[in-house]
C-alpha atoms as a PDB file:
ATOM      1  CA  MET A   1       0.000   0.000   0.000  1.00  0.00           C
ATOM      2  CA  ILE A   2       2.864   2.389   0.759  1.00  0.00           C
ATOM      3  CA  LEU A   3       4.355   1.811  -2.702  1.00  0.00           C
ATOM      4  CA  LEU A   4       0.974   2.381  -4.338  1.00  0.00           C
ATOM      5  CA  MET A   5       0.704   5.605  -2.371  1.00  0.00           C
ATOM      6  CA  LEU A   6       3.564   6.971  -4.485  1.00  0.00           C
ATOM      7  CA  THR A   7       1.310   6.819  -7.565  1.00  0.00           C
ATOM      8  CA  LEU A   8      -1.258   9.174  -6.031  1.00  0.00           C
ATOM      9  CA  PRO A   9       0.465  12.520  -6.680  1.00  0.00           C
ATOM     10  CA  ILE A  10       1.353  11.332 -10.198  1.00  0.00           C
ATOM     11  CA  ILE A  11      -2.280  10.496 -10.995  1.00  0.00           C
ATOM     12  CA  ALA A  12      -3.521  13.713  -9.398  1.00  0.00           C
ATOM     13  CA  PHE A  13      -1.144  15.839 -11.500  1.00  0.00           C
ATOM     14  CA  THR A  14      -1.458  13.965 -14.803  1.00  0.00           C
ATOM     15  CA  SER A  15      -5.269  13.816 -14.623  1.00  0.00           C
ATOM     16  CA  MET A  16      -5.349  17.570 -13.974  1.00  0.00           C
ATOM     17  CA  CYS A  17      -3.184  18.195 -17.045  1.00  0.00           C
ATOM     18  CA  ALA A  18      -5.152  15.734 -19.190  1.00  0.00           C
ATOM     19  CA  PHE A  19      -8.514  17.272 -18.291  1.00  0.00           C
ATOM     20  CA  TYR A  20      -7.157  20.761 -18.929  1.00  0.00           C
ATOM     21  CA  GLU A  21      -5.814  19.775 -22.354  1.00  0.00           C
ATOM     22  CA  ALA A  22      -9.114  18.088 -23.230  1.00  0.00           C
ATOM     23  CA  ARG A  23     -10.907  21.267 -22.111  1.00  0.00           C
ATOM     24  CA  TRP A  24     -12.892  19.327 -19.544  1.00  0.00           C
ATOM     25  CA  THR A  25     -13.049  22.449 -17.436  1.00  0.00           C
ATOM     26  CA  VAL A  26     -15.549  24.619 -15.641  1.00  0.00           C
ATOM     27  CA  ARG A  27     -15.689  28.198 -14.385  1.00  0.00           C
ATOM     28  CA  ASN A  28     -15.558  28.190 -10.609  1.00  0.00           C
ATOM     29  CA  TYR A  29     -17.206  30.714  -8.276  1.00  0.00           C
ATOM     30  CA  GLU A  30     -14.341  33.142  -9.000  1.00  0.00           C
ATOM     31  CA  GLN A  31     -14.905  32.728 -12.766  1.00  0.00           C
ATOM     32  CA  ALA A  32     -11.519  31.028 -13.148  1.00  0.00           C
ATOM     33  CA  ILE A  33     -11.289  28.084 -15.542  1.00  0.00           C
ATOM     34  CA  VAL A  34     -10.275  24.890 -13.726  1.00  0.00           C
ATOM     35  CA  PRO A  35     -10.393  21.195 -14.696  1.00  0.00           C
ATOM     36  CA  TYR A  36     -12.874  18.912 -12.925  1.00  0.00           C
ATOM     37  CA  SER A  37     -10.256  16.176 -12.668  1.00  0.00           C
ATOM     38  CA  LEU A  38     -10.263  15.362  -8.958  1.00  0.00           C
ATOM     39  CA  GLY A  39     -13.120  12.909  -9.443  1.00  0.00           C
ATOM     40  CA  ALA A  40     -10.925  10.728 -11.632  1.00  0.00           C
ATOM     41  CA  PHE A  41      -8.245  10.869  -8.942  1.00  0.00           C
ATOM     42  CA  VAL A  42     -10.728   9.847  -6.213  1.00  0.00           C
ATOM     43  CA  VAL A  43     -12.029   6.914  -8.271  1.00  0.00           C
ATOM     44  CA  TYR A  44      -8.479   5.769  -9.062  1.00  0.00           C
ATOM     45  CA  SER A  45      -7.549   5.925  -5.385  1.00  0.00           C
ATOM     46  CA  TYR A  46     -10.592   3.862  -4.452  1.00  0.00           C
ATOM     47  CA  ALA A  47      -9.981   1.370  -7.280  1.00  0.00           C
ATOM     48  CA  VAL A  48      -6.473   0.709  -5.929  1.00  0.00           C
ATOM     49  CA  MET A  49      -7.947  -0.103  -2.527  1.00  0.00           C
ATOM     50  CA  CYS A  50     -10.438  -2.487  -4.168  1.00  0.00           C
ATOM     51  CA  ALA A  51      -7.633  -4.203  -6.107  1.00  0.00           C
ATOM     52  CA  PHE A  52      -5.496  -4.485  -2.961  1.00  0.00           C
ATOM     53  CA  PRO A  53      -8.090  -4.425  -0.152  1.00  0.00           C
ATOM     54  CA  PRO A  54      -6.817  -3.614   3.341  1.00  0.00           C
ATOM     55  CA  ASN A  55      -9.399  -6.040   4.773  1.00  0.00           C
ATOM     56  CA  GLU A  56     -12.181  -8.381   3.679  1.00  0.00           C
ATOM     57  CA  SER A  57     -14.941  -5.788   3.973  1.00  0.00           C
ATOM     58  CA  ALA A  58     -17.529  -5.551   1.181  1.00  0.00           C
ATOM     59  CA  VAL A  59     -16.603  -1.871   1.011  1.00  0.00           C
ATOM     60  CA  PHE A  60     -13.707  -2.898  -1.247  1.00  0.00           C
ATOM     61  CA  SER A  61     -15.562  -5.414  -3.423  1.00  0.00           C
ATOM     62  CA  TYR A  62     -15.651  -5.103  -7.192  1.00  0.00           C
ATOM     63  CA  ILE A  63     -19.440  -4.686  -6.982  1.00  0.00           C
ATOM     64  CA  SER A  64     -18.842  -1.609  -4.847  1.00  0.00           C
ATOM     65  CA  LEU A  65     -16.252  -0.347  -7.322  1.00  0.00           C
ATOM     66  CA  GLY A  66     -18.703  -0.854 -10.185  1.00  0.00           C
ATOM     67  CA  TYR A  67     -21.317   1.255  -8.404  1.00  0.00           C
ATOM     68  CA  VAL A  68     -18.809   4.054  -7.744  1.00  0.00           C
ATOM     69  CA  ILE A  69     -17.587   4.043 -11.348  1.00  0.00           C
ATOM     70  CA  GLY A  70     -21.187   4.149 -12.579  1.00  0.00           C
ATOM     71  CA  ILE A  71     -21.947   7.143 -10.364  1.00  0.00           C
ATOM     72  CA  TRP A  72     -18.743   8.819 -11.552  1.00  0.00           C
ATOM     73  CA  ILE A  73     -19.679   8.299 -15.231  1.00  0.00           C
ATOM     74  CA  ILE A  74     -23.121   9.879 -14.949  1.00  0.00           C
ATOM     75  CA  GLY A  75     -21.588  12.718 -12.937  1.00  0.00           C
ATOM     76  CA  PHE A  76     -19.021  13.229 -15.678  1.00  0.00           C
ATOM     77  CA  ILE A  77     -21.812  13.344 -18.283  1.00  0.00           C
ATOM     78  CA  ASP A  78     -23.457  16.116 -16.276  1.00  0.00           C
ATOM     79  CA  ASP A  79     -20.144  18.004 -16.048  1.00  0.00           C
ATOM     80  CA  ARG A  80     -19.452  17.575 -19.750  1.00  0.00           C
ATOM     81  CA  TYR A  81     -22.854  18.250 -21.261  1.00  0.00           C
ATOM     82  CA  GLY A  82     -24.984  19.799 -18.521  1.00  0.00           C
ATOM     83  CA  SER A  83     -25.869  23.421 -17.867  1.00  0.00           C
ATOM     84  CA  GLY A  84     -26.630  25.432 -14.778  1.00  0.00           C
ATOM     85  CA  GLU A  85     -30.362  25.350 -15.412  1.00  0.00           C
ATOM     86  CA  PRO A  86     -32.828  24.208 -14.264  1.00  0.00           C
ATOM     87  CA  LYS A  87     -32.242  24.076 -10.512  1.00  0.00           C
ATOM     88  CA  GLY A  88     -33.360  21.323  -8.164  1.00  0.00           C
ATOM     89  CA  ILE A  89     -35.026  17.997  -8.793  1.00  0.00           C
ATOM     90  CA  ARG A  90     -38.409  19.676  -9.278  1.00  0.00           C
ATOM     91  CA  GLY A  91     -36.890  21.856 -11.983  1.00  0.00           C
ATOM     92  CA  HIS A  92     -35.528  18.890 -13.932  1.00  0.00           C
ATOM     93  CA  ILE A  93     -38.811  16.997 -13.605  1.00  0.00           C
ATOM     94  CA  GLY A  94     -40.672  20.126 -14.733  1.00  0.00           C
ATOM     95  CA  VAL A  95     -38.568  20.340 -17.906  1.00  0.00           C
ATOM     96  CA  PHE A  96     -39.294  16.684 -18.628  1.00  0.00           C
ATOM     97  CA  LEU A  97     -43.053  17.038 -18.086  1.00  0.00           C
ATOM     98  CA  ASN A  98     -43.408  20.317 -19.951  1.00  0.00           C
ATOM     99  CA  ASP A  99     -40.890  19.927 -22.776  1.00  0.00           C
ATOM    100  CA  ARG A 100     -40.533  16.129 -22.925  1.00  0.00           C
ATOM    101  CA  ARG A 101     -36.797  16.674 -22.671  1.00  0.00           C
ATOM    102  CA  TRP A 102     -34.259  14.760 -20.598  1.00  0.00           C
ATOM    103  CA  THR A 103     -31.791  17.035 -18.834  1.00  0.00           C
ATOM    104  CA  THR A 104     -28.421  15.701 -17.724  1.00  0.00           C
ATOM    105  CA  GLY A 105     -29.513  16.360 -14.152  1.00  0.00           C
ATOM    106  CA  LEU A 106     -32.542  14.101 -14.576  1.00  0.00           C
ATOM    107  CA  ILE A 107     -30.382  11.437 -16.236  1.00  0.00           C
ATOM    108  CA  LYS A 108     -28.062  11.645 -13.233  1.00  0.00           C
ATOM    109  CA  ALA A 109     -30.957  11.302 -10.764  1.00  0.00           C
ATOM    110  CA  VAL A 110     -32.538   8.334 -12.562  1.00  0.00           C
ATOM    111  CA  GLY A 111     -29.137   6.716 -13.117  1.00  0.00           C
ATOM    112  CA  THR A 112     -28.280   7.043  -9.425  1.00  0.00           C
ATOM    113  CA  ILE A 113     -31.562   5.403  -8.409  1.00  0.00           C
ATOM    114  CA  LEU A 114     -31.035   2.522 -10.851  1.00  0.00           C
ATOM    115  CA  LEU A 115     -27.431   1.958  -9.763  1.00  0.00           C
ATOM    116  CA  ALA A 116     -28.435   2.081  -6.110  1.00  0.00           C
ATOM    117  CA  GLY A 117     -31.185  -0.462  -6.754  1.00  0.00           C
ATOM    118  CA  VAL A 118     -28.863  -2.851  -8.586  1.00  0.00           C
ATOM    119  CA  TYR A 119     -26.178  -2.536  -5.921  1.00  0.00           C
ATOM    120  CA  THR A 120     -28.688  -3.158  -3.120  1.00  0.00           C
ATOM    121  CA  PHE A 121     -30.053  -6.226  -4.942  1.00  0.00           C
ATOM    122  CA  LEU A 122     -26.587  -7.664  -5.558  1.00  0.00           C
ATOM    123  CA  SER A 123     -25.494  -6.994  -1.981  1.00  0.00           C
ATOM    124  CA  GLN A 124     -28.408  -9.097  -0.657  1.00  0.00           C
ATOM    125  CA  PRO A 125     -28.970  -7.367   2.713  1.00  0.00           C
ATOM    126  CA  GLN A 126     -30.251  -9.628   5.474  1.00  0.00           C
ATOM    127  CA  SER A 127     -33.474  -7.737   6.183  1.00  0.00           C
ATOM    128  CA  GLY A 128     -35.958  -5.436   4.520  1.00  0.00           C
ATOM    129  CA  ILE A 129     -35.125  -2.425   6.707  1.00  0.00           C
ATOM    130  CA  THR A 130     -31.416  -2.925   5.981  1.00  0.00           C
ATOM    131  CA  SER A 131     -32.195  -2.927   2.259  1.00  0.00           C
ATOM    132  CA  ILE A 132     -34.174   0.299   2.575  1.00  0.00           C
ATOM    133  CA  MET A 133     -31.415   2.041   4.556  1.00  0.00           C
ATOM    134  CA  MET A 134     -28.791   0.909   2.052  1.00  0.00           C
ATOM    135  CA  PHE A 135     -30.865   2.041  -0.928  1.00  0.00           C
ATOM    136  CA  MET A 136     -31.616   5.434   0.623  1.00  0.00           C
ATOM    137  CA  LEU A 137     -27.972   6.089   1.503  1.00  0.00           C
ATOM    138  CA  LEU A 138     -26.807   5.080  -1.967  1.00  0.00           C
ATOM    139  CA  CYS A 139     -29.350   7.423  -3.565  1.00  0.00           C
ATOM    140  CA  LEU A 140     -29.110  10.414  -1.241  1.00  0.00           C
ATOM    141  CA  PHE A 141     -25.430  10.708  -0.365  1.00  0.00           C
ATOM    142  CA  PRO A 142     -24.099  11.303  -3.915  1.00  0.00           C
ATOM    143  CA  HIS A 143     -26.824  13.875  -4.587  1.00  0.00           C
ATOM    144  CA  ILE A 144     -26.335  15.826  -1.354  1.00  0.00           C
ATOM    145  CA  MET A 145     -22.554  15.922  -1.795  1.00  0.00           C
ATOM    146  CA  ASN A 146     -23.113  17.302  -5.279  1.00  0.00           C
ATOM    147  CA  LEU A 147     -25.362  20.053  -3.900  1.00  0.00           C
ATOM    148  CA  PHE A 148     -22.678  21.170  -1.444  1.00  0.00           C
ATOM    149  CA  ASP A 149     -19.930  21.213  -4.070  1.00  0.00           C
ATOM    150  CA  THR A 150     -20.215  24.876  -5.039  1.00  0.00           C
ATOM    151  CA  ARG A 151     -17.224  26.128  -3.037  1.00  0.00           C
ATOM    152  CA  PRO A 152     -13.737  24.677  -2.524  1.00  0.00           C
ATOM    153  CA  LEU A 153     -13.253  21.998   0.152  1.00  0.00           C
ATOM    154  CA  ARG A 154     -16.889  21.725   1.242  1.00  0.00           C
ATOM    155  CA  VAL A 155     -17.120  18.094   0.140  1.00  0.00           C
ATOM    156  CA  TRP A 156     -13.628  17.522   1.572  1.00  0.00           C
ATOM    157  CA  LYS A 157     -14.700  18.793   5.006  1.00  0.00           C
ATOM    158  CA  ILE A 158     -17.916  16.775   5.037  1.00  0.00           C
ATOM    159  CA  SER A 159     -15.993  13.670   3.942  1.00  0.00           C
ATOM    160  CA  LEU A 160     -13.418  14.150   6.689  1.00  0.00           C
ATOM    161  CA  MET A 161     -16.129  14.570   9.312  1.00  0.00           C
ATOM    162  CA  VAL A 162     -18.125  11.522   8.175  1.00  0.00           C
ATOM    163  CA  SER A 163     -14.961   9.412   7.925  1.00  0.00           C
ATOM    164  CA  ALA A 164     -13.960  10.366  11.481  1.00  0.00           C
ATOM    165  CA  VAL A 165     -17.385   9.330  12.798  1.00  0.00           C
ATOM    166  CA  ILE A 166     -17.299   5.955  11.012  1.00  0.00           C
ATOM    167  CA  VAL A 167     -13.720   5.207  12.087  1.00  0.00           C
ATOM    168  CA  ALA A 168     -14.634   5.973  15.703  1.00  0.00           C
ATOM    169  CA  PHE A 169     -16.858   2.865  15.718  1.00  0.00           C
ATOM    170  CA  MET A 170     -14.396   0.622  13.849  1.00  0.00           C
ATOM    171  CA  PRO A 171     -11.245  -1.266  14.819  1.00  0.00           C
ATOM    172  CA  ILE A 172      -8.119   0.853  14.351  1.00  0.00           C
ATOM    173  CA  PRO A 173      -7.036   0.589  10.694  1.00  0.00           C
ATOM    174  CA  ARG A 174      -3.568  -0.532   9.700  1.00  0.00           C
ATOM    175  CA  PHE A 175      -0.912   2.175   9.576  1.00  0.00           C
ATOM    176  CA  SER A 176      -0.339   1.763   5.836  1.00  0.00           C
ATOM    177  CA  THR A 177      -4.067   2.146   5.117  1.00  0.00           C
ATOM    178  CA  LEU A 178      -4.285   5.238   7.309  1.00  0.00           C
ATOM    179  CA  VAL A 179      -1.316   6.872   5.562  1.00  0.00           C
ATOM    180  CA  TYR A 180      -2.772   6.029   2.137  1.00  0.00           C
ATOM    181  CA  VAL A 181      -6.157   7.595   2.945  1.00  0.00           C
ATOM    182  CA  LEU A 182      -4.587  10.665   4.553  1.00  0.00           C
ATOM    183  CA  THR A 183      -2.479  11.159   1.421  1.00  0.00           C
ATOM    184  CA  ILE A 184      -5.657  11.209  -0.672  1.00  0.00           C
ATOM    185  CA  PHE A 185      -7.199  13.787   1.648  1.00  0.00           C
ATOM    186  CA  TYR A 186      -4.030  15.897   1.576  1.00  0.00           C
ATOM    187  CA  LEU A 187      -3.756  15.960  -2.223  1.00  0.00           C
ATOM    188  CA  VAL A 188      -7.404  16.943  -2.654  1.00  0.00           C
ATOM    189  CA  TYR A 189      -6.954  19.573   0.065  1.00  0.00           C
ATOM    190  CA  VAL A 190      -3.989  21.160  -1.704  1.00  0.00           C
ATOM    191  CA  MET A 191      -5.326  21.022  -5.266  1.00  0.00           C
ATOM    192  CA  GLU A 192      -8.834  22.192  -4.469  1.00  0.00           C
ATOM    193  CA  GLY A 193      -7.802  24.648  -1.753  1.00  0.00           C
ATOM    194  CA  GLU A 194      -5.435  26.359  -4.180  1.00  0.00           C
ATOM    195  CA  ARG A 195      -8.041  26.149  -6.988  1.00  0.00           C
ATOM    196  CA  LYS A 196      -5.837  24.082  -9.277  1.00  0.00           C
ATOM    197  CA  ALA A 197      -8.632  21.561  -9.880  1.00  0.00           C
ATOM    198  CA  VAL A 198     -12.131  20.777  -8.629  1.00  0.00           C
ATOM    199  CA  LEU A 199     -14.136  17.663  -7.925  1.00  0.00           C
ATOM    200  CA  GLY A 200     -16.956  18.665 -10.231  1.00  0.00           C
ATOM    201  CA  ASP A 201     -20.229  16.767 -10.261  1.00  0.00           C
ATOM    202  CA  ASN A 202     -18.316  13.598 -11.108  1.00  0.00           C
ATOM    203  CA  GLY A 203     -16.022  13.853  -8.096  1.00  0.00           C
ATOM    204  CA  ALA A 204     -18.621  15.039  -5.590  1.00  0.00           C
ATOM    205  CA  THR A 205     -21.072  12.270  -6.468  1.00  0.00           C
ATOM    206  CA  ALA A 206     -18.325   9.612  -6.528  1.00  0.00           C
ATOM    207  CA  THR A 207     -17.156  10.759  -3.092  1.00  0.00           C
ATOM    208  CA  GLY A 208     -20.719  10.548  -1.814  1.00  0.00           C
ATOM    209  CA  ALA A 209     -21.039   7.071  -3.313  1.00  0.00           C
ATOM    210  CA  ILE A 210     -17.909   5.845  -1.505  1.00  0.00           C
ATOM    211  CA  LEU A 211     -19.102   7.275   1.821  1.00  0.00           C
ATOM    212  CA  ALA A 212     -22.534   5.697   1.304  1.00  0.00           C
ATOM    213  CA  ILE A 213     -20.948   2.282   0.698  1.00  0.00           C
ATOM    214  CA  TRP A 214     -18.743   2.692   3.757  1.00  0.00           C
ATOM    215  CA  LEU A 215     -21.724   3.632   5.931  1.00  0.00           C
ATOM    216  CA  THR A 216     -23.868   0.733   4.709  1.00  0.00           C
ATOM    217  CA  HIS A 217     -21.196  -1.876   5.448  1.00  0.00           C
ATOM    218  CA  GLU A 218     -19.302  -0.437   8.420  1.00  0.00           C
ATOM    219  CA  GLY A 219     -21.684   2.012  10.102  1.00  0.00           C
ATOM    220  CA  SER A 220     -23.991   0.958  12.905  1.00  0.00           C
ATOM    221  CA  ALA A 221     -27.753   0.753  12.314  1.00  0.00           C
ATOM    222  CA  GLU A 222     -28.264   3.847  14.467  1.00  0.00           C
ATOM    223  CA  LEU A 223     -25.695   5.794  12.466  1.00  0.00           C
ATOM    224  CA  GLN A 224     -27.373   4.748   9.216  1.00  0.00           C
ATOM    225  CA  TYR A 225     -30.824   5.850  10.452  1.00  0.00           C
ATOM    226  CA  PHE A 226     -29.402   9.168  11.595  1.00  0.00           C
ATOM    227  CA  SER A 227     -27.568   9.696   8.297  1.00  0.00           C
ATOM    228  CA  VAL A 228     -30.644   8.940   6.177  1.00  0.00           C
ATOM    229  CA  THR A 229     -32.719  11.364   8.267  1.00  0.00           C
ATOM    230  CA  ILE A 230     -30.180  14.191   7.905  1.00  0.00           C
ATOM    231  CA  LEU A 231     -29.723  13.550   4.179  1.00  0.00           C
ATOM    232  CA  PHE A 232     -33.474  13.515   3.564  1.00  0.00           C
ATOM    233  CA  LEU A 233     -33.936  16.789   5.458  1.00  0.00           C
ATOM    234  CA  LEU A 234     -31.116  18.353   3.433  1.00  0.00           C
ATOM    235  CA  LEU A 235     -32.790  17.135   0.245  1.00  0.00           C
ATOM    236  CA  LEU A 236     -36.021  18.871   1.221  1.00  0.00           C
ATOM    237  CA  ALA A 237     -34.170  22.026   2.258  1.00  0.00           C
ATOM    238  CA  ALA A 238     -32.282  22.177  -1.039  1.00  0.00           C
ATOM    239  CA  GLU A 239     -35.565  22.528  -2.927  1.00  0.00           C
ATOM    240  CA  ARG A 240     -36.345  25.711  -0.997  1.00  0.00           C
ATOM    241  CA  MET A 241     -33.020  27.466  -0.471  1.00  0.00           C
ATOM    242  CA  SER A 242     -29.400  27.760  -1.534  1.00  0.00           C
ATOM    243  CA  PHE A 243     -26.869  26.134   0.802  1.00  0.00           C
ATOM    244  CA  SER A 244     -24.263  28.723  -0.234  1.00  0.00           C
ATOM    245  CA  MET A 245     -26.559  31.613   0.663  1.00  0.00           C
ATOM    246  CA  TRP A 246     -27.495  29.977   3.978  1.00  0.00           C
ATOM    247  CA  ILE A 247     -23.814  29.543   4.865  1.00  0.00           C
ATOM    248  CA  ALA A 248     -22.924  33.083   3.777  1.00  0.00           C
ATOM    249  CA  GLU A 249     -25.547  34.565   6.103  1.00  0.00           C
ATOM    250  CA  ARG A 250     -24.116  32.858   9.213  1.00  0.00           C
ATOM    251  CA  PRO A 251     -20.696  34.052  10.457  1.00  0.00           C
ATOM    252  CA  PHE A 252     -19.622  30.767  12.083  1.00  0.00           C
ATOM    253  CA  PHE A 253     -20.440  28.628   9.045  1.00  0.00           C
ATOM    254  CA  ARG A 254     -18.951  31.266   6.746  1.00  0.00           C
ATOM    255  CA  TRP A 255     -15.729  31.040   8.744  1.00  0.00           C
ATOM    256  CA  MET A 256     -15.808  27.242   8.578  1.00  0.00           C
ATOM    257  CA  ASP A 257     -16.421  27.440   4.846  1.00  0.00           C
ATOM    258  CA  GLY A 258     -13.270  29.500   4.322  1.00  0.00           C
ATOM    259  CA  ILE A 259     -10.897  27.252   6.282  1.00  0.00           C
ATOM    260  CA  GLY A 260      -8.174  25.875   4.014  1.00  0.00           C
ATOM    261  CA  VAL A 261      -9.117  27.956   0.990  1.00  0.00           C
ATOM    262  CA  MET A 262      -6.087  29.936  -0.095  1.00  0.00           C
ATOM    263  CA  LYS A 263      -6.718  33.646  -0.457  1.00  0.00           C
ATOM    264  CA  LYS A 264      -5.995  35.179  -3.844  1.00  0.00           C
ATOM    265  CA  GLU A 265      -3.511  38.049  -3.744  1.00  0.00           C
END
């Protein structure tokens, strides 16, 4: 795992350059053009862990990897061909009902539901309530992470917080695994904090997919119920307000939002 860790900065840098050359870029909130390459880096990092799993957990199964790659692909389609309008799930459904037109956002929503359903079926949970919790997490987490990904390091901070909570209820991971994961977090922190690259829809949804898988297989039942409740409430809130505006209006959360983001001179 330590040797594989050496490939991480190489993949992070080369994917950034490749996306920039291919013009797979987006204008960020500062109107700067940046590549949405960090999603490819996150998926690569996870794929390495699935190929050389640190333990026998289903988190690192090839079925799990297939779900994450599927989520990443439909997120990439939204990055590549989508537009900023319409907003919210209701907006995308409205376009479909009124204009009989599929938006990339609606394709992403339907694709996420289908992938979550297939993954839940293949995972064969032991009970009906477990199946429902798994399905809800797999559907909601990628979408909510995507909604928060409008400023640098928001998804990074949420991921770090969720990871810390899950690890608190797990056996202590091996040192090599811990160093590998921390290296991933560090590289994303540097590249996104300095606005060299962004996660994009593809990276935010893939990150949410990985966290959802981790929660379904390693999180306690109580933690899963709590997570589904919070995610569902955030989904409802997102249809009525902007998370960015809500954060900007509250000094503490505005301060939290700015941590780690390098100031432009």
